[in-house]
Protein backbone atom coordinates (compact mmCIF):
# COMPACT_ATOMS: atom_id res chain seq x y z
CA UNK A 1 127.34 105.66 126.37
CA UNK A 2 125.17 102.13 125.59
CA UNK A 3 126.34 98.83 127.48
CA UNK A 4 129.40 97.55 126.12
CA UNK A 5 129.32 94.65 123.85
CA UNK A 6 125.52 94.79 123.65
CA UNK A 7 124.27 93.70 120.14
CA UNK A 8 120.61 91.79 120.93
CA UNK A 9 118.11 90.37 122.88
CA UNK A 10 118.74 87.30 124.45
CA UNK A 11 115.45 86.35 125.82
CA UNK A 12 112.04 86.82 127.40
CA UNK A 13 111.27 85.59 131.40
CA UNK A 14 107.62 85.63 132.50
CA UNK A 15 106.32 83.76 135.60
CA UNK A 16 103.30 82.11 135.19
CA UNK A 17 101.02 80.51 137.43
CA UNK A 18 101.00 76.97 135.84
CA UNK A 19 103.78 75.38 133.94
CA UNK A 20 101.84 72.91 132.80
CA UNK A 21 99.36 74.98 131.17
CA UNK A 22 101.86 77.40 129.98
CA UNK A 23 103.69 74.88 128.05
CA UNK A 24 100.97 73.96 126.06
CA UNK A 25 99.99 77.68 125.31
CA UNK A 26 103.41 78.08 124.27
CA UNK A 27 103.65 75.11 121.92
CA UNK A 28 100.05 74.52 120.74
CA UNK A 29 99.02 77.84 120.16
CA UNK A 30 102.29 79.93 119.59
CA UNK A 31 104.26 76.99 117.79
CA UNK A 32 107.05 77.39 119.91
CA UNK A 33 109.58 74.34 120.17
CA UNK A 34 109.94 73.40 123.82
CA UNK A 35 113.90 73.37 124.30
CA UNK A 36 114.23 72.38 127.66
CA UNK A 37 113.52 72.25 131.50
CA UNK A 38 115.41 73.49 134.71
CA UNK A 39 114.98 73.64 138.19
CA UNK A 40 113.92 73.52 141.32
CA UNK A 41 115.88 76.48 142.68
CA UNK A 42 115.54 78.35 145.79
CA UNK A 43 114.36 78.19 149.32
CA UNK A 44 118.05 78.79 150.27
CA UNK A 45 117.90 82.15 151.66
CA UNK A 46 120.12 85.16 150.27
CA UNK A 47 120.83 83.62 146.73
CA UNK A 48 117.54 84.07 145.40
CA UNK A 49 117.23 87.75 146.83
CA UNK A 50 120.49 88.47 146.03
CA UNK A 51 120.40 87.42 142.49
CA UNK A 52 116.76 87.61 141.40
CA UNK A 53 115.32 90.24 143.76
CA UNK A 54 112.90 87.67 145.48
CA UNK A 55 111.87 86.99 148.87
CA UNK A 56 114.65 84.58 150.24
CA UNK A 57 111.76 82.22 150.63
CA UNK A 58 111.01 81.65 147.16
CA UNK A 59 111.18 78.33 145.46
CA UNK A 60 111.47 78.43 141.30
CA UNK A 61 109.72 75.02 140.93
CA UNK A 62 110.35 74.49 137.58
CA UNK A 63 111.23 76.62 134.21
CA UNK A 64 110.87 75.77 130.66
CA UNK A 65 112.62 77.39 127.67
CA UNK A 66 110.76 78.08 124.29
CA UNK A 67 112.15 78.95 121.16
CA UNK A 68 109.96 80.66 118.51
CA UNK A 69 110.64 80.88 114.58
CA UNK A 70 114.40 79.69 115.04
CA UNK A 71 115.24 82.65 117.47
CA UNK A 72 113.02 84.03 120.10
CA UNK A 73 113.37 82.71 123.27
CA UNK A 74 111.30 82.33 126.16
CA UNK A 75 112.31 81.83 129.68
CA UNK A 76 109.18 80.68 131.50
CA UNK A 77 109.19 80.22 135.32
CA UNK A 78 106.95 78.81 137.86
CA UNK A 79 107.31 80.43 141.60
CA UNK A 80 106.16 79.71 144.77
CA UNK A 81 106.43 82.47 147.31
CA UNK A 82 105.48 84.29 150.45
CA UNK A 83 103.40 87.63 149.49
CA UNK A 84 103.76 86.44 145.76
CA UNK A 85 100.92 88.78 143.75
CA UNK A 86 99.18 87.11 141.56
CA UNK A 87 97.13 89.80 139.53
CA UNK A 88 98.69 90.59 136.36
CA UNK A 89 99.48 94.24 135.26
CA UNK A 90 97.69 95.98 132.68
CA UNK A 91 99.37 98.09 130.21
CA UNK A 92 98.77 101.04 132.07
CA UNK A 93 100.12 99.98 135.41
CA UNK A 94 103.63 100.53 136.32
CA UNK A 95 105.62 97.17 134.77
CA UNK A 96 102.74 96.57 132.50
CA UNK A 97 104.16 95.01 129.26
CA UNK A 98 103.12 92.93 126.14
CA UNK A 99 104.67 90.76 124.03
CA UNK A 100 104.22 91.39 120.36
CA UNK A 101 104.02 88.48 117.81
CA UNK A 102 104.44 89.35 113.76
CA UNK A 103 102.24 86.81 111.71
CA UNK A 104 101.75 86.89 108.31
CA UNK A 105 97.92 86.68 107.98
CA UNK A 106 96.57 88.54 110.95
CA UNK A 107 92.18 87.85 110.07
CA UNK A 108 93.40 84.08 110.08
CA UNK A 109 95.38 84.20 112.92
CA UNK A 110 92.46 85.94 114.94
CA UNK A 111 90.10 83.54 113.99
CA UNK A 112 92.25 80.59 115.32
CA UNK A 113 92.44 82.85 118.54
CA UNK A 114 89.05 83.01 118.99
CA UNK A 115 88.34 79.25 118.07
CA UNK A 116 90.93 78.31 120.83
CA UNK A 117 88.79 80.36 123.07
CA UNK A 118 91.19 82.78 123.92
CA UNK A 119 90.35 86.59 124.83
CA UNK A 120 90.59 88.51 121.96
CA UNK A 121 90.52 92.61 122.45
CA UNK A 122 88.01 94.38 119.67
CA UNK A 123 88.90 93.89 115.80
CA UNK A 124 92.42 94.59 114.64
CA UNK A 125 93.52 98.07 114.18
CA UNK A 126 95.24 99.83 111.33
CA UNK A 127 97.76 101.83 112.58
CA UNK A 128 98.63 105.26 111.10
CA UNK A 129 101.65 107.51 110.58
CA UNK A 130 105.25 106.09 110.59
CA UNK A 131 103.72 102.48 111.45
CA UNK A 132 100.82 103.12 108.42
CA UNK A 133 100.83 99.86 106.63
CA UNK A 134 100.59 97.80 110.14
CA UNK A 135 97.77 96.37 111.83
CA UNK A 136 97.37 94.69 115.19
CA UNK A 137 95.47 93.51 117.98
CA UNK A 138 95.96 92.07 121.42
CA UNK A 139 94.83 89.05 123.40
CA UNK A 140 95.20 87.39 126.55
CA UNK A 141 97.10 84.32 127.52
CA UNK A 142 95.18 81.75 129.33
CA UNK A 143 96.94 82.89 132.57
CA UNK A 144 96.20 86.91 131.61
CA UNK A 145 99.41 87.71 130.26
CA UNK A 146 98.81 90.28 127.71
CA UNK A 147 100.28 89.48 123.80
CA UNK A 148 99.58 91.16 120.42
CA UNK A 149 99.63 90.13 117.04
CA UNK A 150 101.16 92.54 114.39
CA UNK A 151 101.34 92.40 110.54
CA UNK A 152 102.83 94.58 107.63
CA UNK A 153 103.16 91.81 105.28
CA UNK A 154 103.76 95.41 102.67
CA UNK A 155 106.34 97.33 105.08
CA UNK A 156 105.24 100.22 106.99
CA UNK A 157 105.19 103.42 106.04
CA UNK A 158 108.67 104.46 107.89
CA UNK A 159 110.12 101.57 105.80
CA UNK A 160 109.34 103.03 102.72
CA UNK A 161 109.73 106.78 103.50
CA UNK A 162 111.96 107.22 106.66
CA UNK A 163 113.04 110.78 106.13
CA UNK A 164 109.28 111.77 106.76
CA UNK A 165 109.26 110.54 110.32
CA UNK A 166 112.86 111.60 111.15
């Protein structure tokens, strides 16, 4: 049985080393709408550990909320914490992750990322099987978080023939 009442994703949280740099990335590069700022929180003992699973001495300096495309919300944190790891996990690492964003014109989007000096991995890849019709590429944010751009303007093979992939 799934969680009762679960209907959708609400937001994605991500911790960054520099919230000002992240704001520039989310607004200027991704085109997000800046919503509001909260903080600071923490440094008050058990509350941080019990509610967030971080060190009791951790302080969330600030957090910004951004909205993309009128719906997706990013909650972006800047922490100060003892023993904080600063290496960004790769996709192959436990806890590795990426954020995939849809674009209408993948080639134009890739050219824009390259013009901005962001690291783009290789060339766009054409998917096969159930995802045929899709092209994708990975890139890194300025602090090293992994993002993916995907595009499938004509839909994916699964969209046209779901019975083939059931």
